[in-house]
Amino acid sequence: MDFNKEIIIALGGFLIIALSANHISKFFAKIKFPLITGLLLAGILAGSDVLELIPRENTKYLNFLNEISLAFIAFAAGSELYLKEIRGQFKSILWNTLGQLVITFGLGVLGVFLASEYIPFMVEMTFAEKMSVGILMATIFVARSPSSAIAVINELRAKGPFTKTSIGVT
């Protein structure tokens, strides 16, 4: 019984925070920011590092929401891709993707390696260990979010070759 009560409390708190985030995001829209900016800021504020409205130990009860959300994001991303329209931009999409991967990855590895003397847990690492951490972090830097790109494109009702290329790259 206690387990179910904790889940209900966590979900209830999450629902209140989600509704509040919706109102916060509308404020950001009034000052000409994308809605996604307000939603992200509300999430940061509500999270366990700032206001602790959702305690860190309760986030495990919300994992199923992550899985459902990822399914919706993948579906939305797929529904935005029209192969007939993207075929004309294939070369541009390929070069943009490769450029982002190579430049972001390369600068990420180099940046983390150069900053390793100022990162406490990396100070005493060997060259190989520092490079390993740099490669791992650069891999994370390369990751892109189709959900935020699609959210901004839909909100602005953006159309055109740049939008098609952006969706293709994402």
N, C-alpha and C. Protein backbone atom coordinates (compact mmCIF):
# COMPACT_ATOMS: atom_id res chain seq x y z
N MET A 1 0.83 -1.20 0.00
CA MET A 1 0.00 0.00 0.00
C MET A 1 0.87 1.25 0.00
N ASP A 2 1.96 1.23 0.76
CA ASP A 2 2.84 2.39 0.86
C ASP A 2 3.49 2.70 -0.49
N PHE A 3 3.85 1.65 -1.25
CA PHE A 3 4.47 1.82 -2.56
C PHE A 3 3.52 2.54 -3.51
N ASN A 4 2.25 2.11 -3.55
CA ASN A 4 1.26 2.75 -4.42
C ASN A 4 1.03 4.20 -4.03
N LYS A 5 1.04 4.47 -2.74
CA LYS A 5 0.85 5.84 -2.26
C LYS A 5 1.99 6.74 -2.76
N GLU A 6 3.23 6.24 -2.71
CA GLU A 6 4.38 7.01 -3.19
C GLU A 6 4.26 7.30 -4.68
N ILE A 7 3.83 6.31 -5.45
CA ILE A 7 3.67 6.50 -6.89
C ILE A 7 2.60 7.54 -7.18
N ILE A 8 1.48 7.46 -6.48
CA ILE A 8 0.38 8.42 -6.69
C ILE A 8 0.84 9.83 -6.32
N ILE A 9 1.58 9.96 -5.23
CA ILE A 9 2.09 11.28 -4.82
C ILE A 9 3.07 11.81 -5.87
N ALA A 10 3.96 10.95 -6.35
CA ALA A 10 4.93 11.38 -7.37
C ALA A 10 4.23 11.81 -8.65
N LEU A 11 3.25 11.02 -9.10
CA LEU A 11 2.52 11.37 -10.32
C LEU A 11 1.68 12.63 -10.13
N GLY A 12 1.07 12.78 -8.95
CA GLY A 12 0.29 13.99 -8.67
C GLY A 12 1.17 15.23 -8.68
N GLY A 13 2.33 15.13 -8.06
CA GLY A 13 3.28 16.25 -8.07
C GLY A 13 3.75 16.56 -9.48
N PHE A 14 4.00 15.50 -10.25
CA PHE A 14 4.42 15.70 -11.63
C PHE A 14 3.33 16.40 -12.44
N LEU A 15 2.08 16.02 -12.23
CA LEU A 15 0.96 16.64 -12.95
C LEU A 15 0.86 18.13 -12.62
N ILE A 16 0.98 18.47 -11.35
CA ILE A 16 0.94 19.89 -10.95
C ILE A 16 2.10 20.66 -11.59
N ILE A 17 3.27 20.07 -11.58
CA ILE A 17 4.44 20.73 -12.18
C ILE A 17 4.26 20.88 -13.69
N ALA A 18 3.71 19.84 -14.34
CA ALA A 18 3.49 19.91 -15.79
C ALA A 18 2.51 21.03 -16.14
N LEU A 19 1.44 21.16 -15.38
CA LEU A 19 0.48 22.24 -15.63
C LEU A 19 1.12 23.60 -15.39
N SER A 20 1.92 23.71 -14.36
CA SER A 20 2.63 24.97 -14.08
C SER A 20 3.62 25.29 -15.20
N ALA A 21 4.31 24.28 -15.68
CA ALA A 21 5.27 24.47 -16.77
C ALA A 21 4.58 25.00 -18.02
N ASN A 22 3.36 24.54 -18.25
CA ASN A 22 2.60 25.02 -19.40
C ASN A 22 2.37 26.53 -19.30
N HIS A 23 2.03 27.00 -18.11
CA HIS A 23 1.81 28.44 -17.91
C HIS A 23 3.12 29.23 -18.01
N ILE A 24 4.19 28.67 -17.48
CA ILE A 24 5.50 29.33 -17.57
C ILE A 24 5.92 29.46 -19.03
N SER A 25 5.71 28.41 -19.81
CA SER A 25 6.11 28.45 -21.22
C SER A 25 5.33 29.51 -22.00
N LYS A 26 4.07 29.74 -21.63
CA LYS A 26 3.28 30.78 -22.30
C LYS A 26 3.86 32.17 -22.02
N PHE A 27 4.40 32.37 -20.82
CA PHE A 27 5.07 33.63 -20.52
C PHE A 27 6.26 33.83 -21.45
N PHE A 28 7.04 32.77 -21.67
CA PHE A 28 8.19 32.87 -22.56
C PHE A 28 7.76 33.17 -23.99
N ALA A 29 6.62 32.65 -24.41
CA ALA A 29 6.12 32.95 -25.75
C ALA A 29 5.80 34.44 -25.89
N LYS A 30 5.32 35.05 -24.82
CA LYS A 30 5.00 36.49 -24.86
C LYS A 30 6.25 37.34 -25.04
N ILE A 31 7.38 36.86 -24.55
CA ILE A 31 8.62 37.63 -24.72
C ILE A 31 9.45 37.09 -25.89
N LYS A 32 8.76 36.42 -26.82
CA LYS A 32 9.32 35.98 -28.11
C LYS A 32 10.38 34.88 -28.00
N PHE A 33 10.25 34.02 -27.00
CA PHE A 33 11.08 32.83 -26.90
C PHE A 33 10.23 31.63 -27.28
N PRO A 34 10.84 30.57 -27.81
CA PRO A 34 10.07 29.36 -28.10
C PRO A 34 9.49 28.75 -26.81
N LEU A 35 8.34 28.12 -26.92
CA LEU A 35 7.71 27.48 -25.77
C LEU A 35 8.64 26.47 -25.10
N ILE A 36 9.42 25.77 -25.91
CA ILE A 36 10.30 24.73 -25.38
C ILE A 36 11.29 25.31 -24.36
N THR A 37 11.67 26.59 -24.54
CA THR A 37 12.58 27.24 -23.59
C THR A 37 11.94 27.34 -22.21
N GLY A 38 10.68 27.75 -22.18
CA GLY A 38 9.97 27.84 -20.90
C GLY A 38 9.78 26.48 -20.26
N LEU A 39 9.49 25.47 -21.07
CA LEU A 39 9.32 24.12 -20.54
C LEU A 39 10.62 23.59 -19.95
N LEU A 40 11.72 23.82 -20.65
CA LEU A 40 13.02 23.37 -20.14
C LEU A 40 13.38 24.09 -18.84
N LEU A 41 13.16 25.39 -18.80
CA LEU A 41 13.46 26.15 -17.58
C LEU A 41 12.59 25.68 -16.42
N ALA A 42 11.31 25.43 -16.68
CA ALA A 42 10.42 24.94 -15.62
C ALA A 42 10.91 23.58 -15.11
N GLY A 43 11.37 22.73 -16.01
CA GLY A 43 11.90 21.43 -15.60
C GLY A 43 13.14 21.55 -14.75
N ILE A 44 14.01 22.48 -15.13
CA ILE A 44 15.23 22.70 -14.35
C ILE A 44 14.88 23.22 -12.95
N LEU A 45 13.96 24.18 -12.90
CA LEU A 45 13.57 24.75 -11.61
C LEU A 45 12.89 23.71 -10.72
N ALA A 46 12.02 22.88 -11.30
CA ALA A 46 11.27 21.90 -10.51
C ALA A 46 12.12 20.70 -10.12
N GLY A 47 13.21 20.48 -10.82
CA GLY A 47 14.03 19.30 -10.60
C GLY A 47 14.72 19.26 -9.25
N SER A 48 15.43 18.17 -9.04
CA SER A 48 16.03 17.90 -7.74
C SER A 48 17.24 18.77 -7.44
N ASP A 49 17.73 19.53 -8.41
CA ASP A 49 18.91 20.37 -8.15
C ASP A 49 18.57 21.80 -7.74
N VAL A 50 17.32 22.26 -7.98
CA VAL A 50 16.98 23.65 -7.65
C VAL A 50 15.91 23.67 -6.55
N LEU A 51 14.64 23.55 -6.92
CA LEU A 51 13.56 23.64 -5.92
C LEU A 51 13.20 22.30 -5.29
N GLU A 52 13.67 21.22 -5.85
CA GLU A 52 13.42 19.86 -5.36
C GLU A 52 11.92 19.54 -5.25
N LEU A 53 11.12 20.04 -6.20
CA LEU A 53 9.70 19.70 -6.20
C LEU A 53 9.49 18.23 -6.54
N ILE A 54 10.40 17.70 -7.34
CA ILE A 54 10.42 16.25 -7.58
C ILE A 54 11.73 15.75 -7.00
N PRO A 55 11.69 15.12 -5.83
CA PRO A 55 12.92 14.63 -5.21
C PRO A 55 13.61 13.59 -6.09
N ARG A 56 14.91 13.54 -6.01
CA ARG A 56 15.70 12.62 -6.85
C ARG A 56 15.24 11.17 -6.71
N GLU A 57 14.88 10.75 -5.49
CA GLU A 57 14.48 9.35 -5.30
C GLU A 57 13.13 9.03 -5.94
N ASN A 58 12.31 10.05 -6.22
CA ASN A 58 11.01 9.81 -6.86
C ASN A 58 11.08 9.79 -8.38
N THR A 59 12.20 10.20 -8.94
CA THR A 59 12.29 10.22 -10.40
C THR A 59 12.24 8.81 -10.99
N LYS A 60 12.60 7.81 -10.21
CA LYS A 60 12.54 6.43 -10.72
C LYS A 60 11.10 6.02 -11.04
N TYR A 61 10.12 6.63 -10.36
CA TYR A 61 8.73 6.30 -10.63
C TYR A 61 8.22 6.94 -11.92
N LEU A 62 8.97 7.87 -12.46
CA LEU A 62 8.55 8.57 -13.67
C LEU A 62 9.24 8.04 -14.92
N ASN A 63 10.03 6.97 -14.80
CA ASN A 63 10.76 6.43 -15.95
C ASN A 63 9.83 6.01 -17.08
N PHE A 64 8.66 5.48 -16.75
CA PHE A 64 7.76 5.06 -17.82
C PHE A 64 7.31 6.26 -18.66
N LEU A 65 7.24 7.45 -18.05
CA LEU A 65 6.90 8.66 -18.81
C LEU A 65 8.01 8.97 -19.82
N ASN A 66 9.26 8.75 -19.45
CA ASN A 66 10.36 8.94 -20.39
C ASN A 66 10.20 8.03 -21.60
N GLU A 67 9.86 6.77 -21.34
CA GLU A 67 9.73 5.81 -22.43
C GLU A 67 8.56 6.17 -23.35
N ILE A 68 7.44 6.56 -22.77
CA ILE A 68 6.28 6.96 -23.57
C ILE A 68 6.61 8.22 -24.37
N SER A 69 7.28 9.17 -23.72
CA SER A 69 7.64 10.43 -24.39
C SER A 69 8.57 10.17 -25.57
N LEU A 70 9.55 9.29 -25.40
CA LEU A 70 10.45 8.98 -26.50
C LEU A 70 9.71 8.35 -27.67
N ALA A 71 8.72 7.54 -27.38
CA ALA A 71 7.92 6.95 -28.46
C ALA A 71 7.17 8.03 -29.23
N PHE A 72 6.58 8.99 -28.51
CA PHE A 72 5.87 10.09 -29.17
C PHE A 72 6.83 10.96 -29.97
N ILE A 73 8.01 11.23 -29.43
CA ILE A 73 9.00 12.05 -30.13
C ILE A 73 9.43 11.36 -31.42
N ALA A 74 9.70 10.06 -31.35
CA ALA A 74 10.09 9.32 -32.54
C ALA A 74 8.98 9.33 -33.58
N PHE A 75 7.74 9.16 -33.13
CA PHE A 75 6.60 9.20 -34.04
C PHE A 75 6.47 10.57 -34.69
N ALA A 76 6.59 11.63 -33.88
CA ALA A 76 6.48 13.00 -34.41
C ALA A 76 7.60 13.29 -35.40
N ALA A 77 8.81 12.86 -35.07
CA ALA A 77 9.94 13.08 -35.98
C ALA A 77 9.71 12.35 -37.30
N GLY A 78 9.24 11.12 -37.22
CA GLY A 78 8.97 10.36 -38.43
C GLY A 78 7.86 10.97 -39.27
N SER A 79 6.85 11.52 -38.62
CA SER A 79 5.73 12.10 -39.36
C SER A 79 6.12 13.42 -40.02
N GLU A 80 7.18 14.06 -39.55
CA GLU A 80 7.64 15.31 -40.15
C GLU A 80 8.55 15.08 -41.36
N LEU A 81 9.03 13.86 -41.53
CA LEU A 81 9.94 13.56 -42.63
C LEU A 81 9.15 13.13 -43.87
N TYR A 82 9.26 13.89 -44.91
CA TYR A 82 8.64 13.55 -46.18
C TYR A 82 9.77 13.25 -47.15
N LEU A 83 9.93 11.96 -47.47
CA LEU A 83 11.07 11.54 -48.27
C LEU A 83 11.14 12.25 -49.62
N LYS A 84 10.00 12.52 -50.23
CA LYS A 84 10.01 13.21 -51.53
C LYS A 84 10.63 14.60 -51.39
N GLU A 85 10.32 15.29 -50.31
CA GLU A 85 10.85 16.63 -50.11
C GLU A 85 12.32 16.60 -49.71
N ILE A 86 12.71 15.61 -48.95
CA ILE A 86 14.08 15.55 -48.42
C ILE A 86 15.07 15.06 -49.47
N ARG A 87 14.61 14.29 -50.44
CA ARG A 87 15.53 13.77 -51.45
C ARG A 87 16.34 14.88 -52.12
N GLY A 88 15.70 16.02 -52.37
CA GLY A 88 16.39 17.14 -53.00
C GLY A 88 17.46 17.75 -52.10
N GLN A 89 17.32 17.58 -50.82
CA GLN A 89 18.26 18.14 -49.85
C GLN A 89 19.23 17.09 -49.30
N PHE A 90 19.26 15.91 -49.88
CA PHE A 90 20.05 14.83 -49.32
C PHE A 90 21.53 15.20 -49.17
N LYS A 91 22.11 15.81 -50.21
CA LYS A 91 23.52 16.18 -50.14
C LYS A 91 23.77 17.20 -49.03
N SER A 92 22.90 18.18 -48.94
CA SER A 92 23.02 19.21 -47.91
C SER A 92 22.88 18.59 -46.51
N ILE A 93 21.92 17.70 -46.36
CA ILE A 93 21.72 17.01 -45.07
C ILE A 93 22.95 16.20 -44.71
N LEU A 94 23.50 15.48 -45.68
CA LEU A 94 24.68 14.66 -45.44
C LEU A 94 25.87 15.51 -44.99
N TRP A 95 26.14 16.60 -45.70
CA TRP A 95 27.27 17.46 -45.35
C TRP A 95 27.07 18.15 -44.01
N ASN A 96 25.85 18.60 -43.74
CA ASN A 96 25.56 19.22 -42.43
C ASN A 96 25.76 18.22 -41.30
N THR A 97 25.26 17.02 -41.48
CA THR A 97 25.38 15.99 -40.45
C THR A 97 26.84 15.63 -40.20
N LEU A 98 27.58 15.39 -41.29
CA LEU A 98 29.00 15.04 -41.14
C LEU A 98 29.78 16.19 -40.51
N GLY A 99 29.50 17.41 -40.95
CA GLY A 99 30.19 18.57 -40.38
C GLY A 99 29.93 18.71 -38.89
N GLN A 100 28.67 18.57 -38.50
CA GLN A 100 28.33 18.67 -37.08
C GLN A 100 29.00 17.57 -36.28
N LEU A 101 28.98 16.36 -36.81
CA LEU A 101 29.59 15.25 -36.09
C LEU A 101 31.09 15.44 -35.92
N VAL A 102 31.77 15.73 -37.02
CA VAL A 102 33.23 15.83 -36.98
C VAL A 102 33.68 17.02 -36.15
N ILE A 103 33.09 18.19 -36.40
CA ILE A 103 33.52 19.40 -35.69
C ILE A 103 33.17 19.31 -34.21
N THR A 104 31.92 18.95 -33.91
CA THR A 104 31.51 18.86 -32.50
C THR A 104 32.31 17.80 -31.76
N PHE A 105 32.47 16.64 -32.38
CA PHE A 105 33.22 15.57 -31.73
C PHE A 105 34.67 15.97 -31.52
N GLY A 106 35.31 16.49 -32.57
CA GLY A 106 36.72 16.87 -32.47
C GLY A 106 36.97 17.96 -31.44
N LEU A 107 36.15 19.02 -31.50
CA LEU A 107 36.31 20.10 -30.52
C LEU A 107 35.95 19.64 -29.11
N GLY A 108 34.99 18.71 -29.01
CA GLY A 108 34.61 18.18 -27.70
C GLY A 108 35.74 17.41 -27.05
N VAL A 109 36.37 16.51 -27.83
CA VAL A 109 37.50 15.74 -27.29
C VAL A 109 38.63 16.68 -26.90
N LEU A 110 38.97 17.61 -27.80
CA LEU A 110 40.06 18.55 -27.53
C LEU A 110 39.75 19.42 -26.32
N GLY A 111 38.53 19.94 -26.25
CA GLY A 111 38.14 20.81 -25.14
C GLY A 111 38.19 20.11 -23.80
N VAL A 112 37.66 18.90 -23.74
CA VAL A 112 37.68 18.15 -22.47
C VAL A 112 39.12 17.80 -22.10
N PHE A 113 39.91 17.39 -23.09
CA PHE A 113 41.31 17.05 -22.80
C PHE A 113 42.06 18.26 -22.26
N LEU A 114 41.89 19.43 -22.91
CA LEU A 114 42.58 20.64 -22.46
C LEU A 114 42.09 21.11 -21.09
N ALA A 115 40.81 20.89 -20.81
CA ALA A 115 40.24 21.32 -19.53
C ALA A 115 40.48 20.30 -18.42
N SER A 116 41.06 19.16 -18.75
CA SER A 116 41.21 18.07 -17.77
C SER A 116 42.04 18.48 -16.55
N GLU A 117 42.95 19.41 -16.71
CA GLU A 117 43.76 19.87 -15.57
C GLU A 117 42.93 20.67 -14.57
N TYR A 118 41.76 21.15 -15.00
CA TYR A 118 40.90 21.96 -14.13
C TYR A 118 39.68 21.19 -13.64
N ILE A 119 39.55 19.94 -14.07
CA ILE A 119 38.43 19.09 -13.66
C ILE A 119 38.96 18.15 -12.58
N PRO A 120 38.48 18.31 -11.33
CA PRO A 120 39.09 17.59 -10.20
C PRO A 120 39.27 16.09 -10.40
N PHE A 121 38.27 15.40 -10.91
CA PHE A 121 38.42 13.94 -11.01
C PHE A 121 39.35 13.51 -12.14
N MET A 122 39.76 14.45 -13.02
CA MET A 122 40.62 14.09 -14.15
C MET A 122 42.08 14.47 -13.94
N VAL A 123 42.38 15.22 -12.90
CA VAL A 123 43.73 15.76 -12.69
C VAL A 123 44.79 14.66 -12.67
N GLU A 124 44.54 13.57 -12.00
CA GLU A 124 45.56 12.53 -11.85
C GLU A 124 45.43 11.40 -12.86
N MET A 125 44.63 11.59 -13.89
CA MET A 125 44.45 10.54 -14.90
C MET A 125 45.63 10.51 -15.88
N THR A 126 45.84 9.34 -16.47
CA THR A 126 46.85 9.21 -17.51
C THR A 126 46.32 9.81 -18.81
N PHE A 127 47.21 9.94 -19.80
CA PHE A 127 46.82 10.47 -21.10
C PHE A 127 45.67 9.65 -21.69
N ALA A 128 45.80 8.32 -21.65
CA ALA A 128 44.78 7.44 -22.23
C ALA A 128 43.44 7.60 -21.52
N GLU A 129 43.47 7.73 -20.20
CA GLU A 129 42.23 7.90 -19.44
C GLU A 129 41.58 9.24 -19.76
N LYS A 130 42.39 10.29 -19.88
CA LYS A 130 41.85 11.61 -20.24
C LYS A 130 41.22 11.58 -21.63
N MET A 131 41.88 10.90 -22.56
CA MET A 131 41.32 10.79 -23.91
C MET A 131 40.02 9.98 -23.89
N SER A 132 39.97 8.95 -23.08
CA SER A 132 38.75 8.14 -22.98
C SER A 132 37.59 8.97 -22.46
N VAL A 133 37.83 9.76 -21.43
CA VAL A 133 36.79 10.63 -20.88
C VAL A 133 36.39 11.67 -21.93
N GLY A 134 37.37 12.22 -22.64
CA GLY A 134 37.10 13.20 -23.69
C GLY A 134 36.24 12.62 -24.80
N ILE A 135 36.56 11.40 -25.21
CA ILE A 135 35.78 10.73 -26.27
C ILE A 135 34.36 10.45 -25.78
N LEU A 136 34.23 9.99 -24.55
CA LEU A 136 32.90 9.72 -23.99
C LEU A 136 32.07 11.00 -23.93
N MET A 137 32.67 12.07 -23.43
CA MET A 137 31.92 13.33 -23.31
C MET A 137 31.61 13.92 -24.69
N ALA A 138 32.53 13.80 -25.63
CA ALA A 138 32.29 14.30 -26.99
C ALA A 138 31.15 13.53 -27.65
N THR A 139 31.04 12.25 -27.35
CA THR A 139 29.93 11.47 -27.87
C THR A 139 28.60 12.01 -27.36
N ILE A 140 28.58 12.42 -26.11
CA ILE A 140 27.37 13.02 -25.54
C ILE A 140 27.10 14.38 -26.18
N PHE A 141 28.16 15.16 -26.45
CA PHE A 141 27.99 16.47 -27.07
C PHE A 141 27.35 16.37 -28.45
N VAL A 142 27.64 15.29 -29.16
CA VAL A 142 27.15 15.11 -30.53
C VAL A 142 25.65 14.82 -30.56
N ALA A 143 25.12 14.26 -29.49
CA ALA A 143 23.70 13.89 -29.45
C ALA A 143 22.83 15.11 -29.68
N ARG A 144 21.82 14.94 -30.53
CA ARG A 144 20.88 16.03 -30.83
C ARG A 144 19.49 15.63 -30.39
N SER A 145 18.63 16.62 -30.22
CA SER A 145 17.28 16.37 -29.75
C SER A 145 16.27 16.70 -30.84
N PRO A 146 15.69 15.69 -31.47
CA PRO A 146 14.67 15.98 -32.48
C PRO A 146 13.43 16.63 -31.87
N SER A 147 13.16 16.35 -30.60
CA SER A 147 11.95 16.90 -29.99
C SER A 147 12.00 18.42 -29.92
N SER A 148 13.13 18.99 -29.54
CA SER A 148 13.21 20.45 -29.44
C SER A 148 13.18 21.09 -30.82
N ALA A 149 13.85 20.48 -31.80
CA ALA A 149 13.82 21.03 -33.16
C ALA A 149 12.41 21.00 -33.72
N ILE A 150 11.72 19.89 -33.56
CA ILE A 150 10.35 19.77 -34.07
C ILE A 150 9.42 20.73 -33.34
N ALA A 151 9.61 20.89 -32.03
CA ALA A 151 8.76 21.81 -31.26
C ALA A 151 8.89 23.24 -31.78
N VAL A 152 10.12 23.69 -32.01
CA VAL A 152 10.32 25.06 -32.50
C VAL A 152 9.78 25.21 -33.92
N ILE A 153 10.03 24.24 -34.77
CA ILE A 153 9.55 24.31 -36.16
C ILE A 153 8.03 24.35 -36.20
N ASN A 154 7.38 23.50 -35.41
CA ASN A 154 5.91 23.50 -35.39
C ASN A 154 5.36 24.79 -34.80
N GLU A 155 5.97 25.28 -33.74
CA GLU A 155 5.48 26.51 -33.11
C GLU A 155 5.58 27.70 -34.05
N LEU A 156 6.67 27.77 -34.79
CA LEU A 156 6.88 28.90 -35.70
C LEU A 156 6.24 28.67 -37.07
N ARG A 157 5.69 27.47 -37.27
CA ARG A 157 5.11 27.07 -38.56
C ARG A 157 6.11 27.30 -39.69
N ALA A 158 7.34 26.94 -39.41
CA ALA A 158 8.42 27.16 -40.37
C ALA A 158 8.30 26.22 -41.55
N LYS A 159 8.56 26.73 -42.72
CA LYS A 159 8.54 25.95 -43.96
C LYS A 159 9.73 26.39 -44.80
N GLY A 160 10.12 25.55 -45.71
CA GLY A 160 11.18 25.92 -46.64
C GLY A 160 12.36 24.96 -46.60
N PRO A 161 13.35 25.23 -47.45
CA PRO A 161 14.48 24.31 -47.57
C PRO A 161 15.32 24.22 -46.29
N PHE A 162 15.50 25.33 -45.58
CA PHE A 162 16.29 25.28 -44.34
C PHE A 162 15.60 24.40 -43.30
N THR A 163 14.28 24.54 -43.20
CA THR A 163 13.52 23.73 -42.25
C THR A 163 13.62 22.26 -42.60
N LYS A 164 13.49 21.94 -43.88
CA LYS A 164 13.58 20.53 -44.32
C LYS A 164 14.97 19.97 -44.02
N THR A 165 15.99 20.78 -44.27
CA THR A 165 17.35 20.33 -43.98
C THR A 165 17.54 20.12 -42.48
N SER A 166 17.01 21.05 -41.67
CA SER A 166 17.13 20.93 -40.21
C SER A 166 16.48 19.65 -39.70
N ILE A 167 15.29 19.35 -40.20
CA ILE A 167 14.61 18.12 -39.78
C ILE A 167 15.39 16.90 -40.23
N GLY A 168 15.91 16.94 -41.44
CA GLY A 168 16.70 15.82 -41.95
C GLY A 168 17.96 15.58 -41.15
N VAL A 169 18.63 16.65 -40.75
CA VAL A 169 19.86 16.54 -39.97
C VAL A 169 19.57 16.03 -38.56
N THR A 170 18.45 16.49 -37.99
CA THR A 170 18.10 16.09 -36.64
C THR A 170 17.71 14.64 -36.61
